[in-house]
Amino acid sequence: MFSTSITTILILIIASSLFDQYTTQNCTTTGRFSIYGTNCKYYIHCTYAGGVYYSTTFYCPGTTFFSPRSQACVATFTCGDTYCDTAMTDIVNSTYADFLDPNLSDGVSYIRCARYNDTAIFPTYLTCPFTFNISSTTGNTYNQGCCPYVTC
């Protein structure tokens, strides 16, 4: 009996160290959302109860990363935080750019990298309603939105 109680307490302590629940104004809808700047190691699960949004912060353990597309911690994933920081290095005259999602090869999934205050670059994972094409006219590896044609 005593051993079971200690085991239960240890499990609760470990589980509570993996997330921290708090009420936040950051949640405006329900779902799971990556926390920018954590290299996809942390995400927030937003819930709604009694007219109030609540968030629970979770940590992806070991070598797993939070995938906004699968809504889970996964082992193989290119994080949008670092991807956007690198991808936007050469793009100076734009507040955002769209890149094919390196995690999927479906031709319609892309990452929108958006600048905020000329420094932080936030990734948003999106899907075109039709085939996403890379701009062949400029030779760039990015495109300002979904392109419905073979060449943009």
C-alpha atoms as a PDB file:
ATOM      1  CA  MET A   1       0.000   0.000   0.000  1.00  0.00           C
ATOM      2  CA  PHE A   2       2.765   2.449   0.962  1.00  0.00           C
ATOM      3  CA  SER A   3       4.784   1.581  -2.164  1.00  0.00           C
ATOM      4  CA  THR A   4       1.774   2.190  -4.398  1.00  0.00           C
ATOM      5  CA  SER A   5       1.184   5.622  -2.823  1.00  0.00           C
ATOM      6  CA  ILE A   6       4.818   6.653  -3.377  1.00  0.00           C
ATOM      7  CA  THR A   7       4.675   5.457  -6.989  1.00  0.00           C
ATOM      8  CA  THR A   8       1.462   7.404  -7.564  1.00  0.00           C
ATOM      9  CA  ILE A   9       2.962  10.554  -6.025  1.00  0.00           C
ATOM     10  CA  LEU A  10       6.099  10.236  -8.168  1.00  0.00           C
ATOM     11  CA  ILE A  11       4.016   9.832 -11.329  1.00  0.00           C
ATOM     12  CA  LEU A  12       1.998  12.941 -10.428  1.00  0.00           C
ATOM     13  CA  ILE A  13       5.165  14.972  -9.755  1.00  0.00           C
ATOM     14  CA  ILE A  14       6.717  13.909 -13.085  1.00  0.00           C
ATOM     15  CA  ALA A  15       3.491  14.587 -14.976  1.00  0.00           C
ATOM     16  CA  SER A  16       3.074  18.019 -13.393  1.00  0.00           C
ATOM     17  CA  SER A  17       6.632  18.947 -14.373  1.00  0.00           C
ATOM     18  CA  LEU A  18       5.743  18.320 -18.027  1.00  0.00           C
ATOM     19  CA  PHE A  19       3.022  20.968 -18.098  1.00  0.00           C
ATOM     20  CA  ASP A  20       1.812  24.003 -16.242  1.00  0.00           C
ATOM     21  CA  GLN A  21      -1.861  24.961 -16.299  1.00  0.00           C
ATOM     22  CA  TYR A  22      -2.848  28.594 -16.156  1.00  0.00           C
ATOM     23  CA  THR A  23      -5.581  30.908 -17.388  1.00  0.00           C
ATOM     24  CA  THR A  24      -4.362  33.074 -20.238  1.00  0.00           C
ATOM     25  CA  GLN A  25      -5.621  35.699 -22.640  1.00  0.00           C
ATOM     26  CA  ASN A  26      -3.521  34.081 -25.407  1.00  0.00           C
ATOM     27  CA  CYS A  27      -6.198  31.518 -26.208  1.00  0.00           C
ATOM     28  CA  THR A  28      -8.940  32.833 -28.478  1.00  0.00           C
ATOM     29  CA  THR A  29     -10.024  29.455 -29.819  1.00  0.00           C
ATOM     30  CA  THR A  30      -9.699  25.825 -28.804  1.00  0.00           C
ATOM     31  CA  GLY A  31      -6.915  23.576 -30.091  1.00  0.00           C
ATOM     32  CA  ARG A  32      -3.199  22.900 -29.781  1.00  0.00           C
ATOM     33  CA  PHE A  33      -0.706  25.604 -30.784  1.00  0.00           C
ATOM     34  CA  SER A  34       3.070  25.685 -30.947  1.00  0.00           C
ATOM     35  CA  ILE A  35       4.773  28.235 -28.699  1.00  0.00           C
ATOM     36  CA  TYR A  36       7.043  30.298 -30.917  1.00  0.00           C
ATOM     37  CA  GLY A  37      10.654  30.526 -29.838  1.00  0.00           C
ATOM     38  CA  THR A  38      10.764  27.133 -28.110  1.00  0.00           C
ATOM     39  CA  ASN A  39      12.072  25.277 -31.189  1.00  0.00           C
ATOM     40  CA  CYS A  40       8.809  23.283 -31.275  1.00  0.00           C
ATOM     41  CA  LYS A  41       9.461  21.702 -27.884  1.00  0.00           C
ATOM     42  CA  TYR A  42       6.479  23.403 -26.148  1.00  0.00           C
ATOM     43  CA  TYR A  43       2.859  23.824 -27.158  1.00  0.00           C
ATOM     44  CA  ILE A  44      -0.361  25.115 -25.624  1.00  0.00           C
ATOM     45  CA  HIS A  45      -3.612  23.176 -25.490  1.00  0.00           C
ATOM     46  CA  CYS A  46      -6.465  25.703 -25.349  1.00  0.00           C
ATOM     47  CA  THR A  47      -9.830  24.697 -23.944  1.00  0.00           C
ATOM     48  CA  TYR A  48     -13.038  26.620 -23.269  1.00  0.00           C
ATOM     49  CA  ALA A  49     -15.200  26.184 -20.168  1.00  0.00           C
ATOM     50  CA  GLY A  50     -17.680  28.410 -18.413  1.00  0.00           C
ATOM     51  CA  GLY A  51     -17.124  31.317 -20.800  1.00  0.00           C
ATOM     52  CA  VAL A  52     -13.350  31.355 -20.210  1.00  0.00           C
ATOM     53  CA  TYR A  53     -10.439  30.090 -22.304  1.00  0.00           C
ATOM     54  CA  TYR A  54      -7.808  28.072 -20.459  1.00  0.00           C
ATOM     55  CA  SER A  55      -4.426  26.920 -21.643  1.00  0.00           C
ATOM     56  CA  THR A  56      -2.229  24.080 -20.568  1.00  0.00           C
ATOM     57  CA  THR A  57       1.407  24.167 -21.594  1.00  0.00           C
ATOM     58  CA  PHE A  58       2.982  20.868 -22.622  1.00  0.00           C
ATOM     59  CA  TYR A  59       6.583  19.861 -23.325  1.00  0.00           C
ATOM     60  CA  CYS A  60       7.563  17.328 -25.989  1.00  0.00           C
ATOM     61  CA  PRO A  61      10.086  14.991 -24.337  1.00  0.00           C
ATOM     62  CA  GLY A  62      13.410  13.713 -25.653  1.00  0.00           C
ATOM     63  CA  THR A  63      13.935  14.052 -29.382  1.00  0.00           C
ATOM     64  CA  THR A  64      10.276  14.735 -30.218  1.00  0.00           C
ATOM     65  CA  PHE A  65       8.868  18.039 -31.484  1.00  0.00           C
ATOM     66  CA  PHE A  66       5.343  19.439 -31.599  1.00  0.00           C
ATOM     67  CA  SER A  67       3.822  19.219 -35.085  1.00  0.00           C
ATOM     68  CA  PRO A  68       0.934  21.666 -35.599  1.00  0.00           C
ATOM     69  CA  ARG A  69      -0.300  19.543 -38.510  1.00  0.00           C
ATOM     70  CA  SER A  70      -0.546  16.270 -36.565  1.00  0.00           C
ATOM     71  CA  GLN A  71      -1.329  18.019 -33.241  1.00  0.00           C
ATOM     72  CA  ALA A  72       1.144  15.766 -31.428  1.00  0.00           C
ATOM     73  CA  CYS A  73       4.773  15.345 -30.443  1.00  0.00           C
ATOM     74  CA  VAL A  74       6.549  13.533 -33.273  1.00  0.00           C
ATOM     75  CA  ALA A  75      10.107  12.291 -33.816  1.00  0.00           C
ATOM     76  CA  THR A  76      10.621  13.471 -37.399  1.00  0.00           C
ATOM     77  CA  PHE A  77       9.746  17.122 -37.904  1.00  0.00           C
ATOM     78  CA  THR A  78      11.377  20.273 -39.310  1.00  0.00           C
ATOM     79  CA  CYS A  79      10.463  23.022 -36.862  1.00  0.00           C
ATOM     80  CA  GLY A  80       9.004  26.184 -38.390  1.00  0.00           C
ATOM     81  CA  ASP A  81      10.848  28.392 -35.857  1.00  0.00           C
ATOM     82  CA  THR A  82      14.308  27.541 -37.127  1.00  0.00           C
ATOM     83  CA  TYR A  83      13.135  26.925 -40.703  1.00  0.00           C
ATOM     84  CA  CYS A  84      11.656  30.443 -41.002  1.00  0.00           C
ATOM     85  CA  ASP A  85      14.643  32.108 -39.342  1.00  0.00           C
ATOM     86  CA  THR A  86      16.927  30.542 -41.959  1.00  0.00           C
ATOM     87  CA  ALA A  87      14.565  30.868 -44.936  1.00  0.00           C
ATOM     88  CA  MET A  88      13.867  34.571 -44.358  1.00  0.00           C
ATOM     89  CA  THR A  89      17.553  35.560 -44.082  1.00  0.00           C
ATOM     90  CA  ASP A  90      17.814  36.637 -47.732  1.00  0.00           C
ATOM     91  CA  ILE A  91      14.331  38.140 -47.985  1.00  0.00           C
ATOM     92  CA  VAL A  92      14.586  41.768 -46.924  1.00  0.00           C
ATOM     93  CA  ASN A  93      11.734  43.637 -48.622  1.00  0.00           C
ATOM     94  CA  SER A  94       8.820  41.504 -47.532  1.00  0.00           C
ATOM     95  CA  THR A  95       6.933  41.095 -44.269  1.00  0.00           C
ATOM     96  CA  TYR A  96       6.140  37.486 -45.112  1.00  0.00           C
ATOM     97  CA  ALA A  97       6.967  34.699 -47.533  1.00  0.00           C
ATOM     98  CA  ASP A  98       5.461  31.280 -48.252  1.00  0.00           C
ATOM     99  CA  PHE A  99       7.589  28.137 -48.506  1.00  0.00           C
ATOM    100  CA  LEU A 100       6.647  24.570 -49.325  1.00  0.00           C
ATOM    101  CA  ASP A 101       6.362  22.660 -46.062  1.00  0.00           C
ATOM    102  CA  PRO A 102       9.532  20.526 -45.754  1.00  0.00           C
ATOM    103  CA  ASN A 103       7.580  18.034 -43.611  1.00  0.00           C
ATOM    104  CA  LEU A 104       5.143  17.088 -46.389  1.00  0.00           C
ATOM    105  CA  SER A 105       5.530  16.407 -50.084  1.00  0.00           C
ATOM    106  CA  ASP A 106       1.883  16.864 -51.078  1.00  0.00           C
ATOM    107  CA  GLY A 107       2.510  20.032 -53.115  1.00  0.00           C
ATOM    108  CA  VAL A 108      -0.229  22.005 -51.323  1.00  0.00           C
ATOM    109  CA  SER A 109       1.083  22.357 -47.759  1.00  0.00           C
ATOM    110  CA  TYR A 110       3.225  25.373 -47.013  1.00  0.00           C
ATOM    111  CA  ILE A 111       4.661  27.449 -44.193  1.00  0.00           C
ATOM    112  CA  ARG A 112       4.043  31.192 -44.080  1.00  0.00           C
ATOM    113  CA  CYS A 113       6.962  32.921 -42.391  1.00  0.00           C
ATOM    114  CA  ALA A 114       5.933  36.394 -41.181  1.00  0.00           C
ATOM    115  CA  ARG A 115       8.129  39.107 -39.684  1.00  0.00           C
ATOM    116  CA  TYR A 116       7.023  40.963 -36.597  1.00  0.00           C
ATOM    117  CA  ASN A 117       8.763  44.235 -35.706  1.00  0.00           C
ATOM    118  CA  ASP A 118      11.522  43.445 -38.231  1.00  0.00           C
ATOM    119  CA  THR A 119      13.038  40.789 -35.960  1.00  0.00           C
ATOM    120  CA  ALA A 120      10.896  37.845 -34.894  1.00  0.00           C
ATOM    121  CA  ILE A 121       9.735  35.487 -37.629  1.00  0.00           C
ATOM    122  CA  PHE A 122       6.593  33.488 -36.907  1.00  0.00           C
ATOM    123  CA  PRO A 123       5.640  30.316 -38.816  1.00  0.00           C
ATOM    124  CA  THR A 124       2.043  29.482 -39.724  1.00  0.00           C
ATOM    125  CA  TYR A 125       1.207  26.124 -41.297  1.00  0.00           C
ATOM    126  CA  LEU A 126      -1.283  26.436 -44.166  1.00  0.00           C
ATOM    127  CA  THR A 127      -2.747  24.409 -47.038  1.00  0.00           C
ATOM    128  CA  CYS A 128      -3.684  25.698 -50.492  1.00  0.00           C
ATOM    129  CA  PRO A 129      -7.055  24.741 -51.937  1.00  0.00           C
ATOM    130  CA  PHE A 130      -5.150  23.814 -55.093  1.00  0.00           C
ATOM    131  CA  THR A 131      -1.569  22.950 -56.036  1.00  0.00           C
ATOM    132  CA  PHE A 132       1.035  25.296 -54.595  1.00  0.00           C
ATOM    133  CA  ASN A 133       3.688  26.216 -57.119  1.00  0.00           C
ATOM    134  CA  ILE A 134       7.080  27.834 -56.662  1.00  0.00           C
ATOM    135  CA  SER A 135       7.487  31.031 -58.640  1.00  0.00           C
ATOM    136  CA  SER A 136       9.412  30.136 -61.789  1.00  0.00           C
ATOM    137  CA  THR A 137       9.445  33.706 -63.109  1.00  0.00           C
ATOM    138  CA  THR A 138      11.667  35.119 -60.376  1.00  0.00           C
ATOM    139  CA  GLY A 139      13.725  32.038 -59.598  1.00  0.00           C
ATOM    140  CA  ASN A 140      12.901  32.419 -55.898  1.00  0.00           C
ATOM    141  CA  THR A 141      12.137  29.487 -53.653  1.00  0.00           C
ATOM    142  CA  TYR A 142       9.167  31.329 -52.178  1.00  0.00           C
ATOM    143  CA  ASN A 143       5.823  32.559 -53.448  1.00  0.00           C
ATOM    144  CA  GLN A 144       3.464  35.236 -52.150  1.00  0.00           C
ATOM    145  CA  GLY A 145       0.451  32.960 -51.811  1.00  0.00           C
ATOM    146  CA  CYS A 146      -1.121  29.956 -53.456  1.00  0.00           C
ATOM    147  CA  CYS A 147      -0.745  29.783 -57.206  1.00  0.00           C
ATOM    148  CA  PRO A 148      -3.489  28.015 -59.195  1.00  0.00           C
ATOM    149  CA  TYR A 149      -1.403  27.646 -62.335  1.00  0.00           C
ATOM    150  CA  VAL A 150       1.578  25.587 -63.416  1.00  0.00           C
ATOM    151  CA  THR A 151       3.730  28.738 -63.453  1.00  0.00           C
ATOM    152  CA  CYS A 152       3.018  31.664 -61.180  1.00  0.00           C
END
